[in-house]
Amino acid sequence: MGCIFCKIIHSEIPSEIVYQDDRVVAFNDSNPQAPTHILICPRKHIATLNELTEDDTQLVGHMIQSGQRLAKQMDLAEGGYRLVFNCNPGAGQTVYHIHLHLLGGRKFSWPPG
């Protein structure tokens, strides 16, 4: 298994885990783009959003709800935060295991990127 996120999920390489349950593992991004930058990864390996199936609908919803809970716990909810999925290189995906970015702690502009 060569996926770095799978290795983090299976504790084969260390990371700052901030939340985990039976479906997801959330950890601090090693290259943060905001004061708070957490990656929420499903335990199930899915390379990109293009590989999602209807069977994954509840999993993706759980990822988003996990992001919402973490944002509240980290006092980001009132000031604002961003939840982002990237898909493939043109959108900035560099690790091919879907993950939801939770970004907060600073003002963001629109449009992004």
PDB file of N, CA and C in Angstrom:
ATOM      1  N   MET A   1       0.857  -1.175   0.000  1.00  0.00           N
ATOM      2  CA  MET A   1       0.000   0.000   0.000  1.00  0.00           C
ATOM      3  C   MET A   1       0.905   1.240   0.000  1.00  0.00           C
ATOM      4  N   GLY A   2       0.884   2.034  -1.084  1.00  0.00           N
ATOM      5  CA  GLY A   2       1.764   3.177  -1.193  1.00  0.00           C
ATOM      6  C   GLY A   2       1.127   4.500  -0.836  1.00  0.00           C
ATOM      7  N   CYS A   3      -0.152   4.524  -0.507  1.00  0.00           N
ATOM      8  CA  CYS A   3      -0.855   5.772  -0.230  1.00  0.00           C
ATOM      9  C   CYS A   3      -0.442   6.329   1.130  1.00  0.00           C
ATOM     10  N   ILE A   4       0.070   7.556   1.123  1.00  0.00           N
ATOM     11  CA  ILE A   4       0.522   8.168   2.373  1.00  0.00           C
ATOM     12  C   ILE A   4      -0.624   8.345   3.370  1.00  0.00           C
ATOM     13  N   PHE A   5      -1.829   8.668   2.893  1.00  0.00           N
ATOM     14  CA  PHE A   5      -2.950   8.827   3.817  1.00  0.00           C
ATOM     15  C   PHE A   5      -3.376   7.482   4.400  1.00  0.00           C
ATOM     16  N   CYS A   6      -3.316   6.413   3.619  1.00  0.00           N
ATOM     17  CA  CYS A   6      -3.599   5.083   4.173  1.00  0.00           C
ATOM     18  C   CYS A   6      -2.588   4.742   5.263  1.00  0.00           C
ATOM     19  N   LYS A   7      -1.328   5.118   5.050  1.00  0.00           N
ATOM     20  CA  LYS A   7      -0.301   4.857   6.061  1.00  0.00           C
ATOM     21  C   LYS A   7      -0.561   5.654   7.332  1.00  0.00           C
ATOM     22  N   ILE A   8      -1.023   6.884   7.214  1.00  0.00           N
ATOM     23  CA  ILE A   8      -1.391   7.684   8.393  1.00  0.00           C
ATOM     24  C   ILE A   8      -2.586   7.043   9.095  1.00  0.00           C
ATOM     25  N   ILE A   9      -3.601   6.678   8.321  1.00  0.00           N
ATOM     26  CA  ILE A   9      -4.811   6.067   8.877  1.00  0.00           C
ATOM     27  C   ILE A   9      -4.482   4.786   9.637  1.00  0.00           C
ATOM     28  N   HIS A  10      -3.523   4.008   9.135  1.00  0.00           N
ATOM     29  CA  HIS A  10      -3.150   2.744   9.778  1.00  0.00           C
ATOM     30  C   HIS A  10      -1.978   2.890  10.755  1.00  0.00           C
ATOM     31  N   SER A  11      -1.664   4.140  11.123  1.00  0.00           N
ATOM     32  CA  SER A  11      -0.606   4.452  12.092  1.00  0.00           C
ATOM     33  C   SER A  11       0.765   3.940  11.685  1.00  0.00           C
ATOM     34  N   GLU A  12       1.007   3.833  10.380  1.00  0.00           N
ATOM     35  CA  GLU A  12       2.313   3.411   9.895  1.00  0.00           C
ATOM     36  C   GLU A  12       3.292   4.577   9.821  1.00  0.00           C
ATOM     37  N   ILE A  13       2.760   5.778   9.720  1.00  0.00           N
ATOM     38  CA  ILE A  13       3.576   6.989   9.820  1.00  0.00           C
ATOM     39  C   ILE A  13       2.860   7.949  10.761  1.00  0.00           C
ATOM     40  N   PRO A  14       3.632   8.685  11.553  1.00  0.00           N
ATOM     41  CA  PRO A  14       3.011   9.555  12.552  1.00  0.00           C
ATOM     42  C   PRO A  14       2.359  10.788  11.928  1.00  0.00           C
ATOM     43  N   SER A  15       1.342  11.266  12.592  1.00  0.00           N
ATOM     44  CA  SER A  15       0.664  12.493  12.207  1.00  0.00           C
ATOM     45  C   SER A  15      -0.064  13.021  13.432  1.00  0.00           C
ATOM     46  N   GLU A  16      -0.408  14.308  13.408  1.00  0.00           N
ATOM     47  CA  GLU A  16      -1.157  14.911  14.513  1.00  0.00           C
ATOM     48  C   GLU A  16      -2.640  14.649  14.293  1.00  0.00           C
ATOM     49  N   ILE A  17      -3.117  13.517  14.796  1.00  0.00           N
ATOM     50  CA  ILE A  17      -4.522  13.147  14.679  1.00  0.00           C
ATOM     51  C   ILE A  17      -5.328  14.040  15.616  1.00  0.00           C
ATOM     52  N   VAL A  18      -6.376  14.672  15.074  1.00  0.00           N
ATOM     53  CA  VAL A  18      -7.226  15.532  15.894  1.00  0.00           C
ATOM     54  C   VAL A  18      -8.601  14.921  16.122  1.00  0.00           C
ATOM     55  N   TYR A  19      -8.960  13.927  15.318  1.00  0.00           N
ATOM     56  CA  TYR A  19     -10.250  13.255  15.464  1.00  0.00           C
ATOM     57  C   TYR A  19     -10.189  11.949  14.689  1.00  0.00           C
ATOM     58  N   GLN A  20     -10.871  10.936  15.213  1.00  0.00           N
ATOM     59  CA  GLN A  20     -11.040   9.700  14.458  1.00  0.00           C
ATOM     60  C   GLN A  20     -12.240   8.947  14.970  1.00  0.00           C
ATOM     61  N   ASP A  21     -12.865   8.218  14.072  1.00  0.00           N
ATOM     62  CA  ASP A  21     -13.960   7.325  14.426  1.00  0.00           C
ATOM     63  C   ASP A  21     -13.879   6.123  13.490  1.00  0.00           C
ATOM     64  N   ASP A  22     -14.942   5.366  13.404  1.00  0.00           N
ATOM     65  CA  ASP A  22     -14.890   4.144  12.590  1.00  0.00           C
ATOM     66  C   ASP A  22     -14.885   4.412  11.086  1.00  0.00           C
ATOM     67  N   ARG A  23     -15.184   5.654  10.655  1.00  0.00           N
ATOM     68  CA  ARG A  23     -15.247   5.952   9.221  1.00  0.00           C
ATOM     69  C   ARG A  23     -14.206   6.937   8.729  1.00  0.00           C
ATOM     70  N   VAL A  24     -13.729   7.833   9.604  1.00  0.00           N
ATOM     71  CA  VAL A  24     -12.791   8.876   9.170  1.00  0.00           C
ATOM     72  C   VAL A  24     -11.657   9.070  10.168  1.00  0.00           C
ATOM     73  N   VAL A  25     -10.570   9.634   9.656  1.00  0.00           N
ATOM     74  CA  VAL A  25      -9.452  10.079  10.481  1.00  0.00           C
ATOM     75  C   VAL A  25      -9.143  11.506  10.040  1.00  0.00           C
ATOM     76  N   ALA A  26      -9.010  12.404  11.012  1.00  0.00           N
ATOM     77  CA  ALA A  26      -8.711  13.811  10.718  1.00  0.00           C
ATOM     78  C   ALA A  26      -7.381  14.166  11.369  1.00  0.00           C
ATOM     79  N   PHE A  27      -6.532  14.858  10.600  1.00  0.00           N
ATOM     80  CA  PHE A  27      -5.214  15.209  11.108  1.00  0.00           C
ATOM     81  C   PHE A  27      -4.785  16.556  10.541  1.00  0.00           C
ATOM     82  N   ASN A  28      -3.843  17.187  11.226  1.00  0.00           N
ATOM     83  CA  ASN A  28      -3.329  18.474  10.779  1.00  0.00           C
ATOM     84  C   ASN A  28      -2.545  18.307   9.492  1.00  0.00           C
ATOM     85  N   ASP A  29      -2.757  19.237   8.554  1.00  0.00           N
ATOM     86  CA  ASP A  29      -2.032  19.226   7.291  1.00  0.00           C
ATOM     87  C   ASP A  29      -0.571  19.568   7.551  1.00  0.00           C
ATOM     88  N   SER A  30       0.340  18.855   6.918  1.00  0.00           N
ATOM     89  CA  SER A  30       1.775  19.103   7.114  1.00  0.00           C
ATOM     90  C   SER A  30       2.250  20.350   6.371  1.00  0.00           C
ATOM     91  N   ASN A  31       1.414  20.880   5.474  1.00  0.00           N
ATOM     92  CA  ASN A  31       1.732  22.105   4.740  1.00  0.00           C
ATOM     93  C   ASN A  31       0.524  23.043   4.828  1.00  0.00           C
ATOM     94  N   PRO A  32       0.256  23.583   6.030  1.00  0.00           N
ATOM     95  CA  PRO A  32      -0.988  24.335   6.240  1.00  0.00           C
ATOM     96  C   PRO A  32      -1.078  25.603   5.403  1.00  0.00           C
ATOM     97  N   GLN A  33      -2.293  25.844   4.901  1.00  0.00           N
ATOM     98  CA  GLN A  33      -2.585  27.030   4.105  1.00  0.00           C
ATOM     99  C   GLN A  33      -3.421  28.045   4.880  1.00  0.00           C
ATOM    100  N   ALA A  34      -3.640  27.770   6.147  1.00  0.00           N
ATOM    101  CA  ALA A  34      -4.391  28.650   7.044  1.00  0.00           C
ATOM    102  C   ALA A  34      -3.981  28.302   8.460  1.00  0.00           C
ATOM    103  N   PRO A  35      -4.274  29.173   9.429  1.00  0.00           N
ATOM    104  CA  PRO A  35      -3.920  28.847  10.820  1.00  0.00           C
ATOM    105  C   PRO A  35      -4.480  27.499  11.278  1.00  0.00           C
ATOM    106  N   THR A  36      -5.687  27.165  10.838  1.00  0.00           N
ATOM    107  CA  THR A  36      -6.239  25.824  11.042  1.00  0.00           C
ATOM    108  C   THR A  36      -6.374  25.184   9.677  1.00  0.00           C
ATOM    109  N   HIS A  37      -5.727  24.036   9.492  1.00  0.00           N
ATOM    110  CA  HIS A  37      -5.823  23.300   8.232  1.00  0.00           C
ATOM    111  C   HIS A  37      -5.777  21.818   8.571  1.00  0.00           C
ATOM    112  N   ILE A  38      -6.949  21.222   8.567  1.00  0.00           N
ATOM    113  CA  ILE A  38      -7.121  19.817   8.931  1.00  0.00           C
ATOM    114  C   ILE A  38      -7.604  19.048   7.708  1.00  0.00           C
ATOM    115  N   LEU A  39      -7.090  17.844   7.539  1.00  0.00           N
ATOM    116  CA  LEU A  39      -7.538  16.956   6.475  1.00  0.00           C
ATOM    117  C   LEU A  39      -8.412  15.865   7.085  1.00  0.00           C
ATOM    118  N   ILE A  40      -9.592  15.697   6.527  1.00  0.00           N
ATOM    119  CA  ILE A  40     -10.532  14.678   6.993  1.00  0.00           C
ATOM    120  C   ILE A  40     -10.579  13.600   5.916  1.00  0.00           C
ATOM    121  N   CYS A  41     -10.070  12.420   6.248  1.00  0.00           N
ATOM    122  CA  CYS A  41      -9.922  11.323   5.280  1.00  0.00           C
ATOM    123  C   CYS A  41     -10.803  10.147   5.660  1.00  0.00           C
ATOM    124  N   PRO A  42     -11.450   9.546   4.688  1.00  0.00           N
ATOM    125  CA  PRO A  42     -12.170   8.315   4.990  1.00  0.00           C
ATOM    126  C   PRO A  42     -11.174   7.174   5.203  1.00  0.00           C
ATOM    127  N   ARG A  43     -11.526   6.254   6.064  1.00  0.00           N
ATOM    128  CA  ARG A  43     -10.684   5.069   6.236  1.00  0.00           C
ATOM    129  C   ARG A  43     -10.675   4.226   4.962  1.00  0.00           C
ATOM    130  N   LYS A  44     -11.766   4.279   4.211  1.00  0.00           N
ATOM    131  CA  LYS A  44     -11.867   3.575   2.935  1.00  0.00           C
ATOM    132  C   LYS A  44     -11.049   4.332   1.893  1.00  0.00           C
ATOM    133  N   HIS A  45     -10.182   3.626   1.176  1.00  0.00           N
ATOM    134  CA  HIS A  45      -9.389   4.276   0.139  1.00  0.00           C
ATOM    135  C   HIS A  45     -10.251   4.485  -1.107  1.00  0.00           C
ATOM    136  N   ILE A  46     -10.407   5.752  -1.473  1.00  0.00           N
ATOM    137  CA  ILE A  46     -11.069   6.153  -2.715  1.00  0.00           C
ATOM    138  C   ILE A  46     -10.131   7.181  -3.322  1.00  0.00           C
ATOM    139  N   ALA A  47      -9.636   6.945  -4.516  1.00  0.00           N
ATOM    140  CA  ALA A  47      -8.586   7.789  -5.084  1.00  0.00           C
ATOM    141  C   ALA A  47      -9.043   9.227  -5.348  1.00  0.00           C
ATOM    142  N   THR A  48     -10.146   9.413  -6.044  1.00  0.00           N
ATOM    143  CA  THR A  48     -10.634  10.764  -6.358  1.00  0.00           C
ATOM    144  C   THR A  48     -12.154  10.792  -6.218  1.00  0.00           C
ATOM    145  N   LEU A  49     -12.706  11.986  -6.255  1.00  0.00           N
ATOM    146  CA  LEU A  49     -14.159  12.127  -6.208  1.00  0.00           C
ATOM    147  C   LEU A  49     -14.822  11.417  -7.385  1.00  0.00           C
ATOM    148  N   ASN A  50     -14.101  11.270  -8.482  1.00  0.00           N
ATOM    149  CA  ASN A  50     -14.652  10.596  -9.655  1.00  0.00           C
ATOM    150  C   ASN A  50     -14.942   9.123  -9.406  1.00  0.00           C
ATOM    151  N   GLU A  51     -14.320   8.530  -8.390  1.00  0.00           N
ATOM    152  CA  GLU A  51     -14.532   7.112  -8.078  1.00  0.00           C
ATOM    153  C   GLU A  51     -15.658   6.897  -7.069  1.00  0.00           C
ATOM    154  N   LEU A  52     -16.262   7.964  -6.555  1.00  0.00           N
ATOM    155  CA  LEU A  52     -17.360   7.803  -5.604  1.00  0.00           C
ATOM    156  C   LEU A  52     -18.532   7.090  -6.251  1.00  0.00           C
ATOM    157  N   THR A  53     -19.213   6.268  -5.458  1.00  0.00           N
ATOM    158  CA  THR A  53     -20.433   5.606  -5.919  1.00  0.00           C
ATOM    159  C   THR A  53     -21.567   6.001  -4.971  1.00  0.00           C
ATOM    160  N   GLU A  54     -22.774   5.611  -5.325  1.00  0.00           N
ATOM    161  CA  GLU A  54     -23.905   5.899  -4.442  1.00  0.00           C
ATOM    162  C   GLU A  54     -23.709   5.262  -3.073  1.00  0.00           C
ATOM    163  N   ASP A  55     -22.979   4.177  -3.003  1.00  0.00           N
ATOM    164  CA  ASP A  55     -22.698   3.536  -1.710  1.00  0.00           C
ATOM    165  C   ASP A  55     -21.869   4.433  -0.797  1.00  0.00           C
ATOM    166  N   ASP A  56     -21.194   5.430  -1.355  1.00  0.00           N
ATOM    167  CA  ASP A  56     -20.339   6.321  -0.574  1.00  0.00           C
ATOM    168  C   ASP A  56     -21.051   7.599  -0.102  1.00  0.00           C
ATOM    169  N   THR A  57     -22.320   7.746  -0.430  1.00  0.00           N
ATOM    170  CA  THR A  57     -23.048   8.972  -0.105  1.00  0.00           C
ATOM    171  C   THR A  57     -23.028   9.262   1.394  1.00  0.00           C
ATOM    172  N   GLN A  58     -23.317   8.283   2.221  1.00  0.00           N
ATOM    173  CA  GLN A  58     -23.319   8.507   3.668  1.00  0.00           C
ATOM    174  C   GLN A  58     -21.916   8.811   4.186  1.00  0.00           C
ATOM    175  N   LEU A  59     -20.912   8.190   3.597  1.00  0.00           N
ATOM    176  CA  LEU A  59     -19.533   8.435   4.009  1.00  0.00           C
ATOM    177  C   LEU A  59     -19.152   9.899   3.760  1.00  0.00           C
ATOM    178  N   VAL A  60     -19.474  10.416   2.581  1.00  0.00           N
ATOM    179  CA  VAL A  60     -19.141  11.809   2.259  1.00  0.00           C
ATOM    180  C   VAL A  60     -19.921  12.759   3.169  1.00  0.00           C
ATOM    181  N   GLY A  61     -21.168  12.453   3.435  1.00  0.00           N
ATOM    182  CA  GLY A  61     -21.944  13.258   4.382  1.00  0.00           C
ATOM    183  C   GLY A  61     -21.316  13.245   5.762  1.00  0.00           C
ATOM    184  N   HIS A  62     -20.821  12.095   6.170  1.00  0.00           N
ATOM    185  CA  HIS A  62     -20.160  11.979   7.470  1.00  0.00           C
ATOM    186  C   HIS A  62     -18.874  12.804   7.501  1.00  0.00           C
ATOM    187  N   MET A  63     -18.150  12.823   6.401  1.00  0.00           N
ATOM    188  CA  MET A  63     -16.936  13.645   6.327  1.00  0.00           C
ATOM    189  C   MET A  63     -17.282  15.117   6.537  1.00  0.00           C
ATOM    190  N   ILE A  64     -18.335  15.582   5.869  1.00  0.00           N
ATOM    191  CA  ILE A  64     -18.740  16.979   5.990  1.00  0.00           C
ATOM    192  C   ILE A  64     -19.219  17.286   7.406  1.00  0.00           C
ATOM    193  N   GLN A  65     -20.001  16.411   7.993  1.00  0.00           N
ATOM    194  CA  GLN A  65     -20.454  16.620   9.367  1.00  0.00           C
ATOM    195  C   GLN A  65     -19.280  16.597  10.352  1.00  0.00           C
ATOM    196  N   SER A  66     -18.280  15.776  10.084  1.00  0.00           N
ATOM    197  CA  SER A  66     -17.080  15.764  10.931  1.00  0.00           C
ATOM    198  C   SER A  66     -16.357  17.103  10.838  1.00  0.00           C
ATOM    199  N   GLY A  67     -16.289  17.658   9.626  1.00  0.00           N
ATOM    200  CA  GLY A  67     -15.691  18.975   9.454  1.00  0.00           C
ATOM    201  C   GLY A  67     -16.449  20.047  10.211  1.00  0.00           C
ATOM    202  N   GLN A  68     -17.756  19.991  10.142  1.00  0.00           N
ATOM    203  CA  GLN A  68     -18.591  20.951  10.871  1.00  0.00           C
ATOM    204  C   GLN A  68     -18.349  20.848  12.387  1.00  0.00           C
ATOM    205  N   ARG A  69     -18.323  19.633  12.914  1.00  0.00           N
ATOM    206  CA  ARG A  69     -18.096  19.450  14.357  1.00  0.00           C
ATOM    207  C   ARG A  69     -16.717  19.961  14.766  1.00  0.00           C
ATOM    208  N   LEU A  70     -15.704  19.641  13.961  1.00  0.00           N
ATOM    209  CA  LEU A  70     -14.353  20.128  14.275  1.00  0.00           C
ATOM    210  C   LEU A  70     -14.298  21.646  14.230  1.00  0.00           C
ATOM    211  N   ALA A  71     -14.966  22.256  13.255  1.00  0.00           N
ATOM    212  CA  ALA A  71     -14.983  23.728  13.166  1.00  0.00           C
ATOM    213  C   ALA A  71     -15.616  24.327  14.416  1.00  0.00           C
ATOM    214  N   LYS A  72     -16.680  23.731  14.900  1.00  0.00           N
ATOM    215  CA  LYS A  72     -17.318  24.219  16.131  1.00  0.00           C
ATOM    216  C   LYS A  72     -16.388  24.037  17.323  1.00  0.00           C
ATOM    217  N   GLN A  73     -15.767  22.865  17.436  1.00  0.00           N
ATOM    218  CA  GLN A  73     -14.863  22.589  18.558  1.00  0.00           C
ATOM    219  C   GLN A  73     -13.672  23.535  18.576  1.00  0.00           C
ATOM    220  N   MET A  74     -13.246  23.989  17.405  1.00  0.00           N
ATOM    221  CA  MET A  74     -12.067  24.849  17.301  1.00  0.00           C
ATOM    222  C   MET A  74     -12.444  26.329  17.235  1.00  0.00           C
ATOM    223  N   ASP A  75     -13.704  26.623  17.572  1.00  0.00           N
ATOM    224  CA  ASP A  75     -14.209  28.008  17.590  1.00  0.00           C
ATOM    225  C   ASP A  75     -14.060  28.710  16.241  1.00  0.00           C
ATOM    226  N   LEU A  76     -14.253  27.988  15.168  1.00  0.00           N
ATOM    227  CA  LEU A  76     -14.194  28.568  13.828  1.00  0.00           C
ATOM    228  C   LEU A  76     -15.582  28.849  13.254  1.00  0.00           C
ATOM    229  N   ALA A  77     -16.603  28.236  13.818  1.00  0.00           N
ATOM    230  CA  ALA A  77     -17.930  28.262  13.202  1.00  0.00           C
ATOM    231  C   ALA A  77     -18.485  29.672  13.040  1.00  0.00           C
ATOM    232  N   GLU A  78     -18.389  30.483  14.056  1.00  0.00           N
ATOM    233  CA  GLU A  78     -18.967  31.832  13.988  1.00  0.00           C
ATOM    234  C   GLU A  78     -18.181  32.751  13.060  1.00  0.00           C
ATOM    235  N   GLY A  79     -16.872  32.677  13.096  1.00  0.00           N
ATOM    236  CA  GLY A  79     -16.035  33.541  12.268  1.00  0.00           C
ATOM    237  C   GLY A  79     -15.971  33.106  10.821  1.00  0.00           C
ATOM    238  N   GLY A  80     -16.201  31.838  10.580  1.00  0.00           N
ATOM    239  CA  GLY A  80     -16.201  31.305   9.231  1.00  0.00           C
ATOM    240  C   GLY A  80     -15.078  30.318   8.988  1.00  0.00           C
ATOM    241  N   TYR A  81     -15.371  29.362   8.155  1.00  0.00           N
ATOM    242  CA  TYR A  81     -14.403  28.334   7.775  1.00  0.00           C
ATOM    243  C   TYR A  81     -14.753  27.845   6.385  1.00  0.00           C
ATOM    244  N   ARG A  82     -13.850  27.085   5.818  1.00  0.00           N
ATOM    245  CA  ARG A  82     -14.054  26.554   4.472  1.00  0.00           C
ATOM    246  C   ARG A  82     -13.827  25.050   4.503  1.00  0.00           C
ATOM    247  N   LEU A  83     -14.703  24.308   3.812  1.00  0.00           N
ATOM    248  CA  LEU A  83     -14.544  22.878   3.588  1.00  0.00           C
ATOM    249  C   LEU A  83     -14.358  22.691   2.091  1.00  0.00           C
ATOM    250  N   VAL A  84     -13.273  22.006   1.697  1.00  0.00           N
ATOM    251  CA  VAL A  84     -12.922  21.907   0.278  1.00  0.00           C
ATOM    252  C   VAL A  84     -12.486  20.489  -0.080  1.00  0.00           C
ATOM    253  N   PHE A  85     -13.040  19.979  -1.182  1.00  0.00           N
ATOM    254  CA  PHE A  85     -12.538  18.781  -1.842  1.00  0.00           C
ATOM    255  C   PHE A  85     -11.837  19.238  -3.119  1.00  0.00           C
ATOM    256  N   ASN A  86     -10.693  18.673  -3.432  1.00  0.00           N
ATOM    257  CA  ASN A  86     -10.027  18.894  -4.714  1.00  0.00           C
ATOM    258  C   ASN A  86     -10.080  17.576  -5.484  1.00  0.00           C
ATOM    259  N   CYS A  87     -10.217  17.669  -6.806  1.00  0.00           N
ATOM    260  CA  CYS A  87     -10.269  16.460  -7.620  1.00  0.00           C
ATOM    261  C   CYS A  87      -9.329  16.596  -8.808  1.00  0.00           C
ATOM    262  N   ASN A  88      -8.271  15.811  -8.774  1.00  0.00           N
ATOM    263  CA  ASN A  88      -7.276  15.720  -9.845  1.00  0.00           C
ATOM    264  C   ASN A  88      -6.352  16.944  -9.887  1.00  0.00           C
ATOM    265  N   PRO A  89      -5.277  16.856 -10.656  1.00  0.00           N
ATOM    266  CA  PRO A  89      -4.221  17.874 -10.616  1.00  0.00           C
ATOM    267  C   PRO A  89      -4.673  19.300 -10.916  1.00  0.00           C
ATOM    268  N   GLY A  90      -5.598  19.465 -11.860  1.00  0.00           N
ATOM    269  CA  GLY A  90      -6.034  20.805 -12.216  1.00  0.00           C
ATOM    270  C   GLY A  90      -6.718  21.544 -11.077  1.00  0.00           C
ATOM    271  N   ALA A  91      -7.226  20.798 -10.108  1.00  0.00           N
ATOM    272  CA  ALA A  91      -7.873  21.395  -8.947  1.00  0.00           C
ATOM    273  C   ALA A  91      -6.961  21.395  -7.722  1.00  0.00           C
ATOM    274  N   GLY A  92      -5.749  20.868  -7.875  1.00  0.00           N
ATOM    275  CA  GLY A  92      -4.798  20.887  -6.773  1.00  0.00           C
ATOM    276  C   GLY A  92      -4.679  19.605  -5.974  1.00  0.00           C
ATOM    277  N   GLN A  93      -5.316  18.521  -6.399  1.00  0.00           N
ATOM    278  CA  GLN A  93      -5.180  17.264  -5.665  1.00  0.00           C
ATOM    279  C   GLN A  93      -3.791  16.693  -5.902  1.00  0.00           C
ATOM    280  N   THR A  94      -3.070  16.416  -4.807  1.00  0.00           N
ATOM    281  CA  THR A  94      -1.723  15.854  -4.924  1.00  0.00           C
ATOM    282  C   THR A  94      -1.608  14.470  -4.284  1.00  0.00           C
ATOM    283  N   VAL A  95      -2.533  14.130  -3.390  1.00  0.00           N
ATOM    284  CA  VAL A  95      -2.567  12.794  -2.800  1.00  0.00           C
ATOM    285  C   VAL A  95      -3.858  12.143  -3.262  1.00  0.00           C
ATOM    286  N   TYR A  96      -3.732  10.954  -3.851  1.00  0.00           N
ATOM    287  CA  TYR A  96      -4.882  10.294  -4.453  1.00  0.00           C
ATOM    288  C   TYR A  96      -5.576   9.357  -3.468  1.00  0.00           C
ATOM    289  N   HIS A  97      -6.175  10.007  -2.477  1.00  0.00           N
ATOM    290  CA  HIS A  97      -7.056   9.419  -1.471  1.00  0.00           C
ATOM    291  C   HIS A  97      -7.950  10.585  -1.106  1.00  0.00           C
ATOM    292  N   ILE A  98      -9.248  10.503  -1.398  1.00  0.00           N
ATOM    293  CA  ILE A  98     -10.084  11.679  -1.177  1.00  0.00           C
ATOM    294  C   ILE A  98      -9.916  12.194   0.246  1.00  0.00           C
ATOM    295  N   HIS A  99      -9.996  13.506   0.375  1.00  0.00           N
ATOM    296  CA  HIS A  99      -9.880  14.140   1.682  1.00  0.00           C
ATOM    297  C   HIS A  99     -10.541  15.504   1.624  1.00  0.00           C
ATOM    298  N   LEU A 100     -11.112  15.873   2.744  1.00  0.00           N
ATOM    299  CA  LEU A 100     -11.803  17.141   2.880  1.00  0.00           C
ATOM    300  C   LEU A 100     -10.909  18.068   3.683  1.00  0.00           C
ATOM    301  N   HIS A 101     -10.617  19.241   3.124  1.00  0.00           N
ATOM    302  CA  HIS A 101      -9.821  20.240   3.825  1.00  0.00           C
ATOM    303  C   HIS A 101     -10.744  21.080   4.694  1.00  0.00           C
ATOM    304  N   LEU A 102     -10.418  21.216   5.965  1.00  0.00           N
ATOM    305  CA  LEU A 102     -11.061  22.177   6.858  1.00  0.00           C
ATOM    306  C   LEU A 102     -10.055  23.303   7.060  1.00  0.00           C
ATOM    307  N   LEU A 103     -10.410  24.489   6.576  1.00  0.00           N
ATOM    308  CA  LEU A 103      -9.530  25.655   6.663  1.00  0.00           C
ATOM    309  C   LEU A 103     -10.228  26.746   7.459  1.00  0.00           C
ATOM    310  N   GLY A 104      -9.493  27.374   8.359  1.00  0.00           N
ATOM    311  CA  GLY A 104     -10.082  28.459   9.139  1.00  0.00           C
ATOM    312  C   GLY A 104      -9.019  29.255   9.859  1.00  0.00           C
ATOM    313  N   GLY A 105      -9.475  30.304  10.529  1.00  0.00           N
ATOM    314  CA  GLY A 105      -8.567  31.119  11.319  1.00  0.00           C
ATOM    315  C   GLY A 105      -8.039  32.338  10.581  1.00  0.00           C
ATOM    316  N   ARG A 106      -8.498  32.560   9.357  1.00  0.00           N
ATOM    317  CA  ARG A 106      -8.136  33.762   8.604  1.00  0.00           C
ATOM    318  C   ARG A 106      -9.248  34.052   7.606  1.00  0.00           C
ATOM    319  N   LYS A 107      -9.232  35.245   7.057  1.00  0.00           N
ATOM    320  CA  LYS A 107     -10.219  35.626   6.043  1.00  0.00           C
ATOM    321  C   LYS A 107      -9.816  35.028   4.699  1.00  0.00           C
ATOM    322  N   PHE A 108     -10.794  34.497   3.994  1.00  0.00           N
ATOM    323  CA  PHE A 108     -10.567  33.911   2.675  1.00  0.00           C
ATOM    324  C   PHE A 108     -11.174  34.805   1.602  1.00  0.00           C
ATOM    325  N   SER A 109     -10.583  34.781   0.437  1.00  0.00           N
ATOM    326  CA  SER A 109     -11.123  35.567  -0.672  1.00  0.00           C
ATOM    327  C   SER A 109     -11.935  34.673  -1.593  1.00  0.00           C
ATOM    328  N   TRP A 110     -12.682  35.314  -2.482  1.00  0.00           N
ATOM    329  CA  TRP A 110     -13.452  34.591  -3.474  1.00  0.00           C
ATOM    330  C   TRP A 110     -13.334  35.293  -4.793  1.00  0.00           C
ATOM    331  N   PRO A 111     -13.131  34.621  -5.891  1.00  0.00           N
ATOM    332  CA  PRO A 111     -13.039  33.162  -5.995  1.00  0.00           C
ATOM    333  C   PRO A 111     -11.689  32.657  -5.486  1.00  0.00           C
ATOM    334  N   PRO A 112     -11.665  31.394  -5.061  1.00  0.00           N
ATOM    335  CA  PRO A 112     -10.399  30.828  -4.570  1.00  0.00           C
ATOM    336  C   PRO A 112      -9.419  30.569  -5.713  1.00  0.00           C
ATOM    337  N   GLY A 113      -8.175  30.395  -5.346  1.00  0.00           N
ATOM    338  CA  GLY A 113      -7.130  29.964  -6.254  1.00  0.00           C
ATOM    339  C   GLY A 113      -6.851  30.861  -7.386  1.00  0.00           C
TER     340      GLY A 113
END
